[in-house]
């Protein structure tokens, strides 16, 4: 058995969870915050048999798309930096999914 720990952008979470449920998978949703953009993410825990890992990863690829967005710097800047226009938004890639596949030694549904 495996535990897939997927970190996805909150905008993609509902569609992913709906798709996982329609495909017969059970999942647990946990709200989380990313460290780089300091934005809300969703961490999804999915327990599956070994032979289902590739199917779940395929669903993640299908439901969690990367996109480019403009974001403002989150680091406080000095008055000099602000005066020089260094606070202009920068374009970054967000979204997609980060997935960890972990071996589960034992599982019990109580």
N, C-alpha and C. Protein backbone atom coordinates (compact mmCIF):
# COMPACT_ATOMS: atom_id res chain seq x y z
N UNK A 1 0.84 -1.17 0.00
CA UNK A 1 0.00 0.00 0.00
C UNK A 1 0.89 1.24 0.00
N UNK A 2 0.37 2.31 -0.61
CA UNK A 2 1.10 3.58 -0.70
C UNK A 2 0.22 4.71 -0.18
N UNK A 3 0.88 5.76 0.30
CA UNK A 3 0.22 7.00 0.66
C UNK A 3 0.74 8.06 -0.29
N UNK A 4 -0.17 8.66 -1.06
CA UNK A 4 0.21 9.76 -1.94
C UNK A 4 -0.13 11.04 -1.21
N UNK A 5 0.88 11.85 -0.97
CA UNK A 5 0.72 13.14 -0.33
C UNK A 5 0.89 14.17 -1.44
N UNK A 6 -0.20 14.81 -1.83
CA UNK A 6 -0.18 15.76 -2.96
C UNK A 6 -0.44 17.16 -2.46
N UNK A 7 0.43 18.09 -2.85
CA UNK A 7 0.26 19.50 -2.51
C UNK A 7 -0.15 20.20 -3.80
N UNK A 8 -1.36 20.78 -3.77
CA UNK A 8 -1.91 21.39 -4.98
C UNK A 8 -2.37 22.81 -4.67
N UNK A 9 -2.51 23.61 -5.70
CA UNK A 9 -3.03 24.96 -5.51
C UNK A 9 -4.51 24.85 -5.15
N UNK A 10 -4.94 25.68 -4.23
CA UNK A 10 -6.32 25.63 -3.76
C UNK A 10 -7.32 25.74 -4.91
N UNK A 11 -6.99 26.50 -5.94
CA UNK A 11 -7.88 26.65 -7.09
C UNK A 11 -8.15 25.32 -7.79
N UNK A 12 -7.23 24.36 -7.69
CA UNK A 12 -7.38 23.06 -8.35
C UNK A 12 -7.95 21.98 -7.44
N UNK A 13 -8.03 22.25 -6.14
CA UNK A 13 -8.35 21.21 -5.17
C UNK A 13 -9.74 20.62 -5.34
N UNK A 14 -10.76 21.45 -5.51
CA UNK A 14 -12.13 20.93 -5.59
C UNK A 14 -12.30 20.01 -6.79
N UNK A 15 -11.83 20.44 -7.94
CA UNK A 15 -11.92 19.61 -9.14
C UNK A 15 -11.18 18.30 -8.99
N UNK A 16 -10.01 18.35 -8.35
CA UNK A 16 -9.24 17.13 -8.11
C UNK A 16 -9.99 16.19 -7.18
N UNK A 17 -10.48 16.72 -6.08
CA UNK A 17 -11.21 15.87 -5.12
C UNK A 17 -12.46 15.27 -5.75
N UNK A 18 -13.21 16.07 -6.53
CA UNK A 18 -14.40 15.55 -7.22
C UNK A 18 -14.02 14.41 -8.16
N UNK A 19 -12.94 14.58 -8.90
CA UNK A 19 -12.51 13.54 -9.84
C UNK A 19 -12.05 12.29 -9.11
N UNK A 20 -11.26 12.47 -8.05
CA UNK A 20 -10.81 11.31 -7.27
C UNK A 20 -12.00 10.53 -6.72
N UNK A 21 -12.99 11.23 -6.18
CA UNK A 21 -14.18 10.57 -5.62
C UNK A 21 -14.95 9.82 -6.72
N UNK A 22 -15.08 10.46 -7.89
CA UNK A 22 -15.81 9.80 -8.98
C UNK A 22 -15.08 8.56 -9.49
N UNK A 23 -13.76 8.52 -9.30
CA UNK A 23 -12.96 7.36 -9.71
C UNK A 23 -12.88 6.31 -8.60
N UNK A 24 -13.52 6.57 -7.46
CA UNK A 24 -13.58 5.59 -6.39
C UNK A 24 -12.49 5.67 -5.34
N UNK A 25 -11.72 6.75 -5.35
CA UNK A 25 -10.67 6.90 -4.35
C UNK A 25 -11.18 7.71 -3.17
N UNK A 26 -10.64 7.43 -2.01
CA UNK A 26 -10.93 8.21 -0.81
C UNK A 26 -9.75 9.13 -0.56
N UNK A 27 -10.03 10.34 -0.08
CA UNK A 27 -8.95 11.30 0.13
C UNK A 27 -9.28 12.17 1.33
N UNK A 28 -8.23 12.68 1.94
CA UNK A 28 -8.37 13.62 3.05
C UNK A 28 -7.73 14.94 2.64
N UNK A 29 -8.47 16.03 2.83
CA UNK A 29 -8.01 17.36 2.45
C UNK A 29 -7.54 18.11 3.69
N UNK A 30 -6.36 18.73 3.59
CA UNK A 30 -5.80 19.54 4.66
C UNK A 30 -5.41 20.89 4.08
N UNK A 31 -5.86 21.97 4.69
CA UNK A 31 -5.45 23.31 4.25
C UNK A 31 -4.00 23.54 4.66
N UNK A 32 -3.22 24.15 3.77
CA UNK A 32 -1.81 24.42 4.06
C UNK A 32 -1.42 25.73 3.40
N UNK A 33 -0.24 26.20 3.71
CA UNK A 33 0.26 27.45 3.15
C UNK A 33 1.64 27.22 2.57
N UNK A 34 1.86 27.71 1.35
CA UNK A 34 3.16 27.58 0.72
C UNK A 34 4.16 28.55 1.31
N UNK A 35 5.41 28.19 1.27
CA UNK A 35 6.45 29.03 1.84
C UNK A 35 6.96 30.11 0.91
N UNK A 36 6.92 29.88 -0.40
CA UNK A 36 7.48 30.83 -1.34
C UNK A 36 6.54 32.02 -1.57
N UNK A 37 5.29 31.73 -1.97
CA UNK A 37 4.34 32.81 -2.24
C UNK A 37 3.45 33.12 -1.05
N UNK A 38 3.57 32.34 0.01
CA UNK A 38 2.78 32.50 1.22
C UNK A 38 1.28 32.57 0.87
N UNK A 39 0.85 31.62 0.08
CA UNK A 39 -0.54 31.52 -0.35
C UNK A 39 -1.12 30.20 0.12
N UNK A 40 -2.43 30.14 0.11
CA UNK A 40 -3.09 28.90 0.49
C UNK A 40 -2.88 27.79 -0.52
N UNK A 41 -2.57 26.64 -0.02
CA UNK A 41 -2.47 25.42 -0.80
C UNK A 41 -3.43 24.42 -0.18
N UNK A 42 -3.56 23.30 -0.82
CA UNK A 42 -4.31 22.21 -0.24
C UNK A 42 -3.42 20.97 -0.31
N UNK A 43 -3.28 20.30 0.82
CA UNK A 43 -2.55 19.04 0.87
C UNK A 43 -3.58 17.92 0.91
N UNK A 44 -3.45 16.98 -0.01
CA UNK A 44 -4.41 15.89 -0.11
C UNK A 44 -3.70 14.57 0.15
N UNK A 45 -4.25 13.79 1.06
CA UNK A 45 -3.71 12.48 1.41
C UNK A 45 -4.58 11.42 0.74
N UNK A 46 -3.96 10.52 -0.02
CA UNK A 46 -4.69 9.49 -0.74
C UNK A 46 -3.99 8.15 -0.49
N UNK A 47 -4.69 7.22 0.13
CA UNK A 47 -4.16 5.89 0.35
C UNK A 47 -4.63 4.96 -0.75
N UNK A 48 -3.68 4.29 -1.42
CA UNK A 48 -4.03 3.41 -2.55
C UNK A 48 -3.17 2.15 -2.54
N UNK A 49 -3.68 1.14 -3.19
CA UNK A 49 -2.88 -0.06 -3.43
C UNK A 49 -1.76 0.29 -4.42
N UNK A 50 -0.68 -0.46 -4.37
CA UNK A 50 0.49 -0.17 -5.19
C UNK A 50 0.14 -0.04 -6.68
N UNK A 51 -0.75 -0.88 -7.17
CA UNK A 51 -1.05 -0.88 -8.61
C UNK A 51 -1.94 0.29 -9.04
N UNK A 52 -2.40 1.12 -8.10
CA UNK A 52 -3.24 2.27 -8.42
C UNK A 52 -2.47 3.60 -8.40
N UNK A 53 -1.21 3.57 -8.03
CA UNK A 53 -0.42 4.81 -7.90
C UNK A 53 -0.37 5.57 -9.23
N UNK A 54 -0.05 4.88 -10.32
CA UNK A 54 0.07 5.56 -11.61
C UNK A 54 -1.25 6.20 -12.04
N UNK A 55 -2.36 5.54 -11.77
CA UNK A 55 -3.67 6.10 -12.13
C UNK A 55 -3.95 7.38 -11.34
N UNK A 56 -3.63 7.39 -10.05
CA UNK A 56 -3.85 8.59 -9.25
C UNK A 56 -2.92 9.71 -9.70
N UNK A 57 -1.68 9.40 -9.99
CA UNK A 57 -0.75 10.43 -10.48
C UNK A 57 -1.23 10.99 -11.81
N UNK A 58 -1.81 10.17 -12.65
CA UNK A 58 -2.38 10.63 -13.92
C UNK A 58 -3.53 11.60 -13.67
N UNK A 59 -4.37 11.30 -12.68
CA UNK A 59 -5.47 12.20 -12.32
C UNK A 59 -4.92 13.53 -11.81
N UNK A 60 -3.86 13.49 -11.02
CA UNK A 60 -3.22 14.73 -10.55
C UNK A 60 -2.75 15.57 -11.73
N UNK A 61 -2.11 14.93 -12.71
CA UNK A 61 -1.62 15.66 -13.88
C UNK A 61 -2.78 16.30 -14.66
N UNK A 62 -3.89 15.57 -14.73
CA UNK A 62 -5.04 16.05 -15.49
C UNK A 62 -5.75 17.22 -14.79
N UNK A 63 -5.83 17.19 -13.48
CA UNK A 63 -6.64 18.17 -12.74
C UNK A 63 -5.86 19.37 -12.22
N UNK A 64 -4.56 19.26 -12.10
CA UNK A 64 -3.76 20.32 -11.49
C UNK A 64 -2.83 20.92 -12.53
N UNK A 65 -3.24 22.04 -13.05
CA UNK A 65 -2.47 22.65 -14.14
C UNK A 65 -1.59 23.78 -13.63
N UNK A 66 -0.44 23.91 -14.25
CA UNK A 66 0.44 25.03 -13.95
C UNK A 66 -0.04 26.25 -14.72
N UNK A 67 0.16 27.42 -14.15
CA UNK A 67 -0.23 28.66 -14.81
C UNK A 67 0.75 29.75 -14.40
N UNK A 68 0.80 30.81 -15.17
CA UNK A 68 1.67 31.94 -14.84
C UNK A 68 0.82 33.07 -14.28
N UNK A 69 1.30 33.67 -13.19
CA UNK A 69 0.60 34.78 -12.56
C UNK A 69 1.61 35.86 -12.18
N UNK A 70 1.11 37.07 -12.07
CA UNK A 70 1.92 38.16 -11.56
C UNK A 70 1.67 38.27 -10.06
N UNK A 71 2.75 38.33 -9.28
CA UNK A 71 2.63 38.46 -7.84
C UNK A 71 3.53 39.61 -7.37
N UNK A 72 3.12 40.24 -6.30
CA UNK A 72 3.93 41.30 -5.70
C UNK A 72 4.94 40.68 -4.75
N UNK A 73 6.10 41.29 -4.61
CA UNK A 73 7.09 40.76 -3.66
C UNK A 73 6.51 40.74 -2.25
N UNK A 74 6.84 39.69 -1.49
CA UNK A 74 6.34 39.58 -0.13
C UNK A 74 7.37 40.04 0.89
N UNK A 75 8.59 40.32 0.44
CA UNK A 75 9.64 40.77 1.34
C UNK A 75 9.49 42.27 1.55
N UNK A 76 9.49 42.74 2.80
CA UNK A 76 9.40 44.19 3.02
C UNK A 76 10.59 44.90 2.41
N UNK A 77 10.32 45.94 1.67
CA UNK A 77 11.40 46.68 1.01
C UNK A 77 11.55 48.06 1.66
N UNK A 78 12.72 48.60 1.53
CA UNK A 78 12.98 49.93 2.09
C UNK A 78 12.29 51.01 1.26
N UNK A 79 12.26 52.23 1.80
CA UNK A 79 11.69 53.37 1.06
C UNK A 79 12.44 53.61 -0.23
N UNK A 80 13.75 53.38 -0.22
CA UNK A 80 14.57 53.57 -1.42
C UNK A 80 14.13 52.59 -2.51
N UNK A 81 13.93 51.32 -2.13
CA UNK A 81 13.51 50.32 -3.09
C UNK A 81 12.14 50.65 -3.67
N UNK A 82 11.25 51.11 -2.82
CA UNK A 82 9.90 51.48 -3.27
C UNK A 82 9.98 52.65 -4.25
N UNK A 83 10.80 53.64 -3.94
CA UNK A 83 10.94 54.82 -4.79
C UNK A 83 11.51 54.46 -6.16
N UNK A 84 12.33 53.43 -6.21
CA UNK A 84 12.94 53.02 -7.49
C UNK A 84 12.07 52.05 -8.28
N UNK A 85 10.89 51.74 -7.77
CA UNK A 85 9.99 50.86 -8.52
C UNK A 85 10.30 49.38 -8.37
N UNK A 86 11.04 49.00 -7.35
CA UNK A 86 11.43 47.60 -7.17
C UNK A 86 10.30 46.76 -6.59
N UNK A 87 9.14 47.34 -6.42
CA UNK A 87 8.02 46.58 -5.88
C UNK A 87 7.05 46.15 -6.98
N UNK A 88 7.46 46.29 -8.21
CA UNK A 88 6.59 45.87 -9.32
C UNK A 88 6.34 44.37 -9.25
N UNK A 89 5.15 43.94 -9.63
CA UNK A 89 4.86 42.50 -9.63
C UNK A 89 5.81 41.74 -10.57
N UNK A 90 6.08 40.52 -10.22
CA UNK A 90 6.91 39.65 -11.05
C UNK A 90 6.07 38.45 -11.49
N UNK A 91 6.39 37.92 -12.66
CA UNK A 91 5.63 36.78 -13.17
C UNK A 91 6.29 35.48 -12.68
N UNK A 92 5.46 34.59 -12.11
CA UNK A 92 5.95 33.31 -11.62
C UNK A 92 5.00 32.20 -12.08
N UNK A 93 5.50 30.98 -12.11
CA UNK A 93 4.65 29.84 -12.43
C UNK A 93 4.08 29.28 -11.13
N UNK A 94 2.77 29.10 -11.09
CA UNK A 94 2.10 28.55 -9.92
C UNK A 94 1.25 27.38 -10.37
N UNK A 95 0.79 26.61 -9.42
CA UNK A 95 -0.11 25.50 -9.75
C UNK A 95 0.64 24.22 -10.00
N UNK A 96 -0.03 23.32 -10.70
CA UNK A 96 0.53 22.00 -10.86
C UNK A 96 0.35 21.25 -9.55
N UNK A 97 1.14 20.25 -9.35
CA UNK A 97 1.06 19.47 -8.11
C UNK A 97 2.44 18.97 -7.74
N UNK A 98 2.67 18.87 -6.46
CA UNK A 98 3.87 18.19 -5.95
C UNK A 98 3.36 16.97 -5.22
N UNK A 99 3.82 15.79 -5.63
CA UNK A 99 3.31 14.54 -5.05
C UNK A 99 4.46 13.72 -4.47
N UNK A 100 4.23 13.22 -3.28
CA UNK A 100 5.16 12.31 -2.62
C UNK A 100 4.45 10.96 -2.52
N UNK A 101 5.12 9.91 -2.92
CA UNK A 101 4.54 8.57 -2.81
C UNK A 101 5.34 7.84 -1.72
N UNK A 102 4.63 7.51 -0.63
CA UNK A 102 5.28 6.92 0.54
C UNK A 102 4.79 5.49 0.75
N UNK A 103 5.69 4.63 1.16
CA UNK A 103 5.32 3.25 1.47
C UNK A 103 4.58 3.23 2.82
N UNK A 104 3.50 2.46 2.87
CA UNK A 104 2.74 2.32 4.10
C UNK A 104 2.98 0.93 4.64
N UNK A 105 3.57 0.86 5.81
CA UNK A 105 3.88 -0.42 6.45
C UNK A 105 2.60 -1.12 6.90
N UNK A 106 1.67 -0.35 7.43
CA UNK A 106 0.44 -0.94 7.96
C UNK A 106 -0.68 0.07 7.82
N UNK A 107 -1.87 -0.43 7.49
CA UNK A 107 -3.05 0.43 7.36
C UNK A 107 -4.23 -0.27 8.02
N UNK A 108 -4.97 0.47 8.81
CA UNK A 108 -6.19 -0.05 9.42
C UNK A 108 -7.28 0.99 9.28
N UNK A 109 -8.42 0.57 8.80
CA UNK A 109 -9.59 1.45 8.72
C UNK A 109 -10.49 1.07 9.87
N UNK A 110 -10.59 1.92 10.88
CA UNK A 110 -11.33 1.62 12.10
C UNK A 110 -12.67 2.32 12.14
